[in-house]
């Protein structure tokens, strides 16, 4: 079973192996054309091309999304990892009063629920 931390490590490894960013989307055809390149400083990394004359309006959006992912993904994985790192349960000790133990148990249960929700939304851990 893969954990959320393991999944983030895999995503970070893919991002680290990809061409450095930032990337940008440019067209070699008319505005909203059907030939879009994702580039890093002028070198083409990916090409979105179709000569069917359909869905030309979405090709620019696709190219913009791919280009932005190069910068967005590392920021989002770092932010999510920081959130996951905050989800440390409270250690329950014998020196705690019963109301403190009860509060800690409730807090820990809420943290587990949050971690489970994050794992579920990532589609991992199944």
N, C-alpha and C. Protein backbone atom coordinates (compact mmCIF):
# COMPACT_ATOMS: atom_id res chain seq x y z
N UNK A 1 0.84 -1.17 0.00
CA UNK A 1 0.00 0.00 0.00
C UNK A 1 0.89 1.25 0.00
N UNK A 2 0.66 2.14 -0.93
CA UNK A 2 1.44 3.36 -1.03
C UNK A 2 0.86 4.42 -0.10
N UNK A 3 1.73 5.14 0.58
CA UNK A 3 1.28 6.22 1.46
C UNK A 3 1.26 7.54 0.70
N UNK A 4 0.63 8.54 1.29
CA UNK A 4 0.62 9.87 0.68
C UNK A 4 2.05 10.41 0.55
N UNK A 5 2.88 10.17 1.56
CA UNK A 5 4.28 10.62 1.49
C UNK A 5 5.02 9.93 0.34
N UNK A 6 4.80 8.62 0.18
CA UNK A 6 5.43 7.88 -0.91
C UNK A 6 4.98 8.42 -2.27
N UNK A 7 3.68 8.70 -2.39
CA UNK A 7 3.15 9.23 -3.64
C UNK A 7 3.79 10.58 -3.96
N UNK A 8 3.88 11.45 -2.96
CA UNK A 8 4.51 12.76 -3.18
C UNK A 8 5.98 12.60 -3.59
N UNK A 9 6.66 11.63 -3.02
CA UNK A 9 8.04 11.36 -3.40
C UNK A 9 8.13 10.96 -4.87
N UNK A 10 7.19 10.13 -5.32
CA UNK A 10 7.16 9.72 -6.73
C UNK A 10 6.90 10.92 -7.64
N UNK A 11 5.95 11.77 -7.26
CA UNK A 11 5.63 12.95 -8.06
C UNK A 11 6.84 13.89 -8.12
N UNK A 12 7.47 14.09 -6.98
CA UNK A 12 8.66 14.96 -6.93
C UNK A 12 9.78 14.40 -7.80
N UNK A 13 9.95 13.09 -7.80
CA UNK A 13 11.00 12.48 -8.63
C UNK A 13 10.72 12.71 -10.11
N UNK A 14 9.45 12.58 -10.53
CA UNK A 14 9.11 12.85 -11.93
C UNK A 14 9.37 14.31 -12.27
N UNK A 15 9.00 15.22 -11.37
CA UNK A 15 9.23 16.64 -11.62
C UNK A 15 10.72 16.95 -11.68
N UNK A 16 11.50 16.34 -10.79
CA UNK A 16 12.95 16.58 -10.78
C UNK A 16 13.61 16.04 -12.05
N UNK A 17 13.07 14.97 -12.62
CA UNK A 17 13.66 14.37 -13.82
C UNK A 17 13.28 15.13 -15.08
N UNK A 18 12.22 15.93 -15.03
CA UNK A 18 11.76 16.67 -16.21
C UNK A 18 12.69 17.86 -16.48
N UNK A 19 12.56 18.40 -17.68
CA UNK A 19 13.32 19.59 -18.07
C UNK A 19 13.00 20.72 -17.10
N UNK A 20 14.05 21.46 -16.71
CA UNK A 20 13.86 22.57 -15.79
C UNK A 20 12.89 23.60 -16.36
N UNK A 21 12.23 24.31 -15.51
CA UNK A 21 11.28 25.35 -15.91
C UNK A 21 11.88 26.72 -15.71
N UNK A 22 11.10 27.73 -15.89
CA UNK A 22 9.68 27.67 -16.21
C UNK A 22 9.44 27.31 -17.67
N UNK A 23 8.26 26.79 -17.92
CA UNK A 23 7.86 26.48 -19.28
C UNK A 23 6.83 27.51 -19.73
N UNK A 24 6.68 27.60 -21.02
CA UNK A 24 5.65 28.48 -21.56
C UNK A 24 5.01 27.82 -22.77
N UNK A 25 3.82 28.27 -23.10
CA UNK A 25 3.10 27.76 -24.26
C UNK A 25 3.15 28.82 -25.35
N UNK A 26 3.56 28.39 -26.54
CA UNK A 26 3.58 29.30 -27.69
C UNK A 26 2.93 28.61 -28.88
N UNK A 27 2.43 29.40 -29.79
CA UNK A 27 1.83 28.84 -30.99
C UNK A 27 2.68 29.21 -32.20
N UNK A 28 2.70 28.33 -33.14
CA UNK A 28 3.40 28.61 -34.39
C UNK A 28 2.40 28.93 -35.48
N UNK A 29 1.13 28.94 -35.11
CA UNK A 29 0.08 29.23 -36.07
C UNK A 29 -0.68 30.47 -35.65
N UNK A 30 -1.86 30.64 -36.18
CA UNK A 30 -2.67 31.79 -35.80
C UNK A 30 -3.09 31.72 -34.34
N UNK A 31 -3.48 32.85 -33.77
CA UNK A 31 -3.94 32.87 -32.38
C UNK A 31 -5.04 31.83 -32.22
N UNK A 32 -4.95 31.09 -31.12
CA UNK A 32 -5.86 29.97 -30.85
C UNK A 32 -5.79 28.93 -31.97
N UNK A 33 -4.60 28.77 -32.51
CA UNK A 33 -4.41 27.81 -33.60
C UNK A 33 -4.33 26.39 -33.10
N UNK A 34 -3.95 25.49 -34.00
CA UNK A 34 -3.93 24.09 -33.61
C UNK A 34 -2.51 23.53 -33.50
N UNK A 35 -1.51 24.39 -33.48
CA UNK A 35 -0.13 23.98 -33.29
C UNK A 35 0.43 24.72 -32.07
N UNK A 36 0.51 24.03 -30.95
CA UNK A 36 1.03 24.64 -29.72
C UNK A 36 2.25 23.89 -29.25
N UNK A 37 3.27 24.64 -28.87
CA UNK A 37 4.50 24.08 -28.31
C UNK A 37 4.60 24.47 -26.84
N UNK A 38 5.04 23.53 -26.02
CA UNK A 38 5.43 23.83 -24.65
C UNK A 38 6.94 23.91 -24.69
N UNK A 39 7.48 25.05 -24.24
CA UNK A 39 8.91 25.28 -24.39
C UNK A 39 9.55 25.71 -23.07
N UNK A 40 10.85 25.56 -23.03
CA UNK A 40 11.66 26.17 -21.97
C UNK A 40 12.67 27.06 -22.67
N UNK A 41 12.52 28.31 -22.60
CA UNK A 41 13.44 29.27 -23.22
C UNK A 41 13.64 28.99 -24.71
N UNK A 42 12.59 28.64 -25.41
CA UNK A 42 12.66 28.48 -26.85
C UNK A 42 12.85 27.07 -27.36
N UNK A 43 13.26 26.13 -26.52
CA UNK A 43 13.41 24.74 -26.94
C UNK A 43 12.08 24.01 -26.73
N UNK A 44 11.57 23.38 -27.76
CA UNK A 44 10.29 22.70 -27.66
C UNK A 44 10.43 21.44 -26.82
N UNK A 45 9.53 21.30 -25.85
CA UNK A 45 9.49 20.13 -24.99
C UNK A 45 8.36 19.21 -25.42
N UNK A 46 7.25 19.83 -25.81
CA UNK A 46 6.07 19.06 -26.21
C UNK A 46 5.32 19.84 -27.28
N UNK A 47 4.61 19.11 -28.13
CA UNK A 47 3.83 19.72 -29.20
C UNK A 47 2.40 19.19 -29.12
N UNK A 48 1.48 20.11 -29.16
CA UNK A 48 0.06 19.75 -29.26
C UNK A 48 -0.35 20.13 -30.66
N UNK A 49 -0.71 19.14 -31.44
CA UNK A 49 -1.01 19.38 -32.85
C UNK A 49 -2.21 18.55 -33.27
N UNK A 50 -3.05 19.19 -34.01
CA UNK A 50 -4.17 18.47 -34.63
C UNK A 50 -4.56 19.25 -35.88
N UNK A 51 -4.82 18.56 -36.90
CA UNK A 51 -5.19 19.22 -38.14
C UNK A 51 -6.65 18.95 -38.50
N UNK A 52 -7.44 18.63 -37.46
CA UNK A 52 -8.83 18.32 -37.74
C UNK A 52 -9.73 19.54 -37.73
N UNK A 53 -9.19 20.70 -37.31
CA UNK A 53 -9.98 21.92 -37.28
C UNK A 53 -10.99 21.97 -36.16
N UNK A 54 -10.97 20.99 -35.27
CA UNK A 54 -11.91 20.95 -34.15
C UNK A 54 -11.18 21.21 -32.85
N UNK A 55 -11.91 21.72 -31.90
CA UNK A 55 -11.41 21.97 -30.54
C UNK A 55 -10.17 22.84 -30.51
N UNK A 56 -10.02 23.73 -31.46
CA UNK A 56 -8.83 24.58 -31.49
C UNK A 56 -8.78 25.52 -30.28
N UNK A 57 -9.94 25.92 -29.78
CA UNK A 57 -9.96 26.80 -28.61
C UNK A 57 -9.39 26.10 -27.38
N UNK A 58 -9.54 24.80 -27.27
CA UNK A 58 -9.05 24.09 -26.08
C UNK A 58 -7.57 23.77 -26.16
N UNK A 59 -6.99 23.76 -27.34
CA UNK A 59 -5.57 23.42 -27.46
C UNK A 59 -4.69 24.43 -26.73
N UNK A 60 -5.03 25.71 -26.80
CA UNK A 60 -4.25 26.71 -26.07
C UNK A 60 -4.37 26.47 -24.57
N UNK A 61 -5.57 26.17 -24.10
CA UNK A 61 -5.77 25.89 -22.67
C UNK A 61 -4.96 24.67 -22.24
N UNK A 62 -4.93 23.64 -23.09
CA UNK A 62 -4.14 22.43 -22.77
C UNK A 62 -2.66 22.77 -22.69
N UNK A 63 -2.17 23.53 -23.66
CA UNK A 63 -0.75 23.90 -23.68
C UNK A 63 -0.41 24.77 -22.47
N UNK A 64 -1.28 25.74 -22.14
CA UNK A 64 -1.05 26.59 -20.97
C UNK A 64 -1.02 25.76 -19.69
N UNK A 65 -1.93 24.77 -19.60
CA UNK A 65 -1.99 23.91 -18.42
C UNK A 65 -0.69 23.10 -18.27
N UNK A 66 -0.24 22.49 -19.36
CA UNK A 66 0.99 21.69 -19.32
C UNK A 66 2.18 22.56 -18.93
N UNK A 67 2.27 23.74 -19.53
CA UNK A 67 3.39 24.64 -19.23
C UNK A 67 3.36 25.07 -17.77
N UNK A 68 2.20 25.42 -17.25
CA UNK A 68 2.09 25.87 -15.86
C UNK A 68 2.36 24.75 -14.87
N UNK A 69 2.06 23.51 -15.26
CA UNK A 69 2.26 22.37 -14.35
C UNK A 69 3.72 22.25 -13.92
N UNK A 70 4.65 22.66 -14.77
CA UNK A 70 6.08 22.55 -14.44
C UNK A 70 6.42 23.35 -13.20
N UNK A 71 5.79 24.50 -13.02
CA UNK A 71 6.03 25.33 -11.84
C UNK A 71 5.02 25.04 -10.73
N UNK A 72 3.77 24.75 -11.12
CA UNK A 72 2.72 24.53 -10.13
C UNK A 72 2.92 23.26 -9.33
N UNK A 73 3.29 22.17 -9.99
CA UNK A 73 3.37 20.88 -9.33
C UNK A 73 4.40 20.84 -8.20
N UNK A 74 5.62 21.32 -8.40
CA UNK A 74 6.56 21.32 -7.27
C UNK A 74 6.09 22.17 -6.09
N UNK A 75 5.44 23.29 -6.37
CA UNK A 75 4.93 24.13 -5.27
C UNK A 75 3.82 23.40 -4.52
N UNK A 76 2.91 22.77 -5.26
CA UNK A 76 1.80 22.08 -4.61
C UNK A 76 2.26 20.86 -3.82
N UNK A 77 3.21 20.10 -4.35
CA UNK A 77 3.69 18.93 -3.60
C UNK A 77 4.42 19.37 -2.34
N UNK A 78 5.19 20.46 -2.42
CA UNK A 78 5.88 20.96 -1.23
C UNK A 78 4.88 21.44 -0.18
N UNK A 79 3.83 22.13 -0.61
CA UNK A 79 2.82 22.60 0.33
C UNK A 79 2.07 21.43 0.97
N UNK A 80 1.71 20.44 0.17
CA UNK A 80 0.99 19.29 0.71
C UNK A 80 1.88 18.48 1.65
N UNK A 81 3.15 18.35 1.32
CA UNK A 81 4.07 17.64 2.22
C UNK A 81 4.18 18.39 3.55
N UNK A 82 4.21 19.72 3.50
CA UNK A 82 4.27 20.51 4.73
C UNK A 82 3.03 20.28 5.59
N UNK A 83 1.86 20.20 4.95
CA UNK A 83 0.63 19.92 5.69
C UNK A 83 0.69 18.52 6.31
N UNK A 84 1.10 17.55 5.53
CA UNK A 84 1.19 16.18 6.06
C UNK A 84 2.17 16.10 7.22
N UNK A 85 3.26 16.84 7.14
CA UNK A 85 4.26 16.83 8.22
C UNK A 85 3.72 17.43 9.51
N UNK A 86 2.71 18.30 9.39
CA UNK A 86 2.09 18.88 10.58
C UNK A 86 1.14 17.93 11.30
N UNK A 87 0.78 16.86 10.63
CA UNK A 87 -0.21 15.94 11.18
C UNK A 87 0.43 14.92 12.12
N UNK A 88 1.17 15.41 13.06
CA UNK A 88 1.81 14.54 14.06
C UNK A 88 0.87 14.37 15.24
N UNK A 89 0.57 13.14 15.61
CA UNK A 89 -0.34 12.94 16.74
C UNK A 89 0.28 13.39 18.07
N UNK A 90 -0.59 13.74 19.00
CA UNK A 90 -0.16 14.09 20.34
C UNK A 90 0.20 12.80 21.06
N UNK A 91 1.35 12.81 21.72
CA UNK A 91 1.75 11.63 22.48
C UNK A 91 1.03 11.65 23.83
N UNK A 92 0.39 10.57 24.11
CA UNK A 92 -0.34 10.44 25.38
C UNK A 92 0.59 9.80 26.40
N UNK A 93 0.75 10.47 27.52
CA UNK A 93 1.66 9.98 28.56
C UNK A 93 0.87 9.70 29.84
N UNK A 94 1.48 8.97 30.73
CA UNK A 94 0.86 8.65 32.01
C UNK A 94 0.74 9.85 32.92
N UNK A 95 1.45 10.93 32.60
CA UNK A 95 1.39 12.12 33.45
C UNK A 95 0.22 13.03 33.09
N UNK A 96 -0.52 12.70 32.05
CA UNK A 96 -1.63 13.54 31.62
C UNK A 96 -2.85 13.30 32.49
N UNK A 97 -3.60 14.36 32.69
CA UNK A 97 -4.89 14.26 33.37
C UNK A 97 -5.88 13.59 32.41
N UNK A 98 -6.96 13.04 32.95
CA UNK A 98 -7.92 12.32 32.11
C UNK A 98 -8.54 13.24 31.06
N UNK A 99 -8.81 14.50 31.39
CA UNK A 99 -9.39 15.41 30.40
C UNK A 99 -8.36 15.71 29.30
N UNK A 100 -7.07 15.75 29.63
CA UNK A 100 -6.02 15.97 28.63
C UNK A 100 -5.91 14.77 27.69
N UNK A 101 -6.02 13.58 28.25
CA UNK A 101 -6.00 12.36 27.43
C UNK A 101 -7.19 12.36 26.48
N UNK A 102 -8.37 12.72 27.00
CA UNK A 102 -9.57 12.77 26.17
C UNK A 102 -9.40 13.78 25.04
N UNK A 103 -8.85 14.96 25.34
CA UNK A 103 -8.62 15.98 24.31
C UNK A 103 -7.61 15.48 23.29
N UNK A 104 -6.55 14.85 23.74
CA UNK A 104 -5.51 14.35 22.84
C UNK A 104 -6.08 13.26 21.93
N UNK A 105 -6.90 12.38 22.50
CA UNK A 105 -7.51 11.32 21.68
C UNK A 105 -8.41 11.93 20.60
N UNK A 106 -9.19 12.94 20.94
CA UNK A 106 -10.04 13.61 19.97
C UNK A 106 -9.22 14.30 18.89
N UNK A 107 -8.16 14.97 19.30
CA UNK A 107 -7.26 15.64 18.35
C UNK A 107 -6.61 14.62 17.42
N UNK A 108 -6.13 13.52 17.98
CA UNK A 108 -5.49 12.49 17.17
C UNK A 108 -6.47 11.86 16.18
N UNK A 109 -7.72 11.67 16.61
CA UNK A 109 -8.72 11.12 15.71
C UNK A 109 -8.99 12.09 14.56
N UNK A 110 -9.07 13.38 14.86
CA UNK A 110 -9.28 14.39 13.81
C UNK A 110 -8.11 14.40 12.83
N UNK A 111 -6.88 14.25 13.33
CA UNK A 111 -5.70 14.21 12.46
C UNK A 111 -5.74 12.99 11.55
N UNK A 112 -6.13 11.83 12.11
CA UNK A 112 -6.24 10.62 11.29
C UNK A 112 -7.29 10.80 10.19
N UNK A 113 -8.42 11.42 10.55
CA UNK A 113 -9.46 11.67 9.55
C UNK A 113 -8.95 12.59 8.44
N UNK A 114 -8.22 13.63 8.82
CA UNK A 114 -7.67 14.55 7.82
C UNK A 114 -6.66 13.85 6.93
N UNK A 115 -5.78 13.06 7.53
CA UNK A 115 -4.79 12.30 6.75
C UNK A 115 -5.48 11.32 5.81
N UNK A 116 -6.54 10.68 6.29
CA UNK A 116 -7.29 9.75 5.44
C UNK A 116 -7.95 10.48 4.28
N UNK A 117 -8.48 11.67 4.53
CA UNK A 117 -9.10 12.46 3.47
C UNK A 117 -8.08 12.86 2.42
N UNK A 118 -6.91 13.29 2.85
CA UNK A 118 -5.85 13.67 1.91
C UNK A 118 -5.44 12.46 1.07
N UNK A 119 -5.25 11.34 1.73
CA UNK A 119 -4.87 10.10 1.03
C UNK A 119 -5.94 9.71 0.02
N UNK A 120 -7.20 9.81 0.42
CA UNK A 120 -8.31 9.47 -0.47
C UNK A 120 -8.32 10.40 -1.70
N UNK A 121 -8.16 11.71 -1.46
CA UNK A 121 -8.19 12.68 -2.56
C UNK A 121 -7.02 12.47 -3.52
N UNK A 122 -5.89 12.00 -3.01
CA UNK A 122 -4.73 11.70 -3.87
C UNK A 122 -4.94 10.40 -4.64
N UNK A 123 -5.89 9.59 -4.20
CA UNK A 123 -6.14 8.31 -4.88
C UNK A 123 -5.07 7.28 -4.58
N UNK A 124 -4.46 7.36 -3.41
CA UNK A 124 -3.43 6.40 -3.02
C UNK A 124 -3.88 5.70 -1.73
N UNK A 125 -3.10 4.72 -1.33
CA UNK A 125 -3.37 4.02 -0.08
C UNK A 125 -4.42 2.95 -0.18
N UNK A 126 -4.83 2.63 -1.39
CA UNK A 126 -5.90 1.63 -1.53
C UNK A 126 -5.34 0.29 -1.88
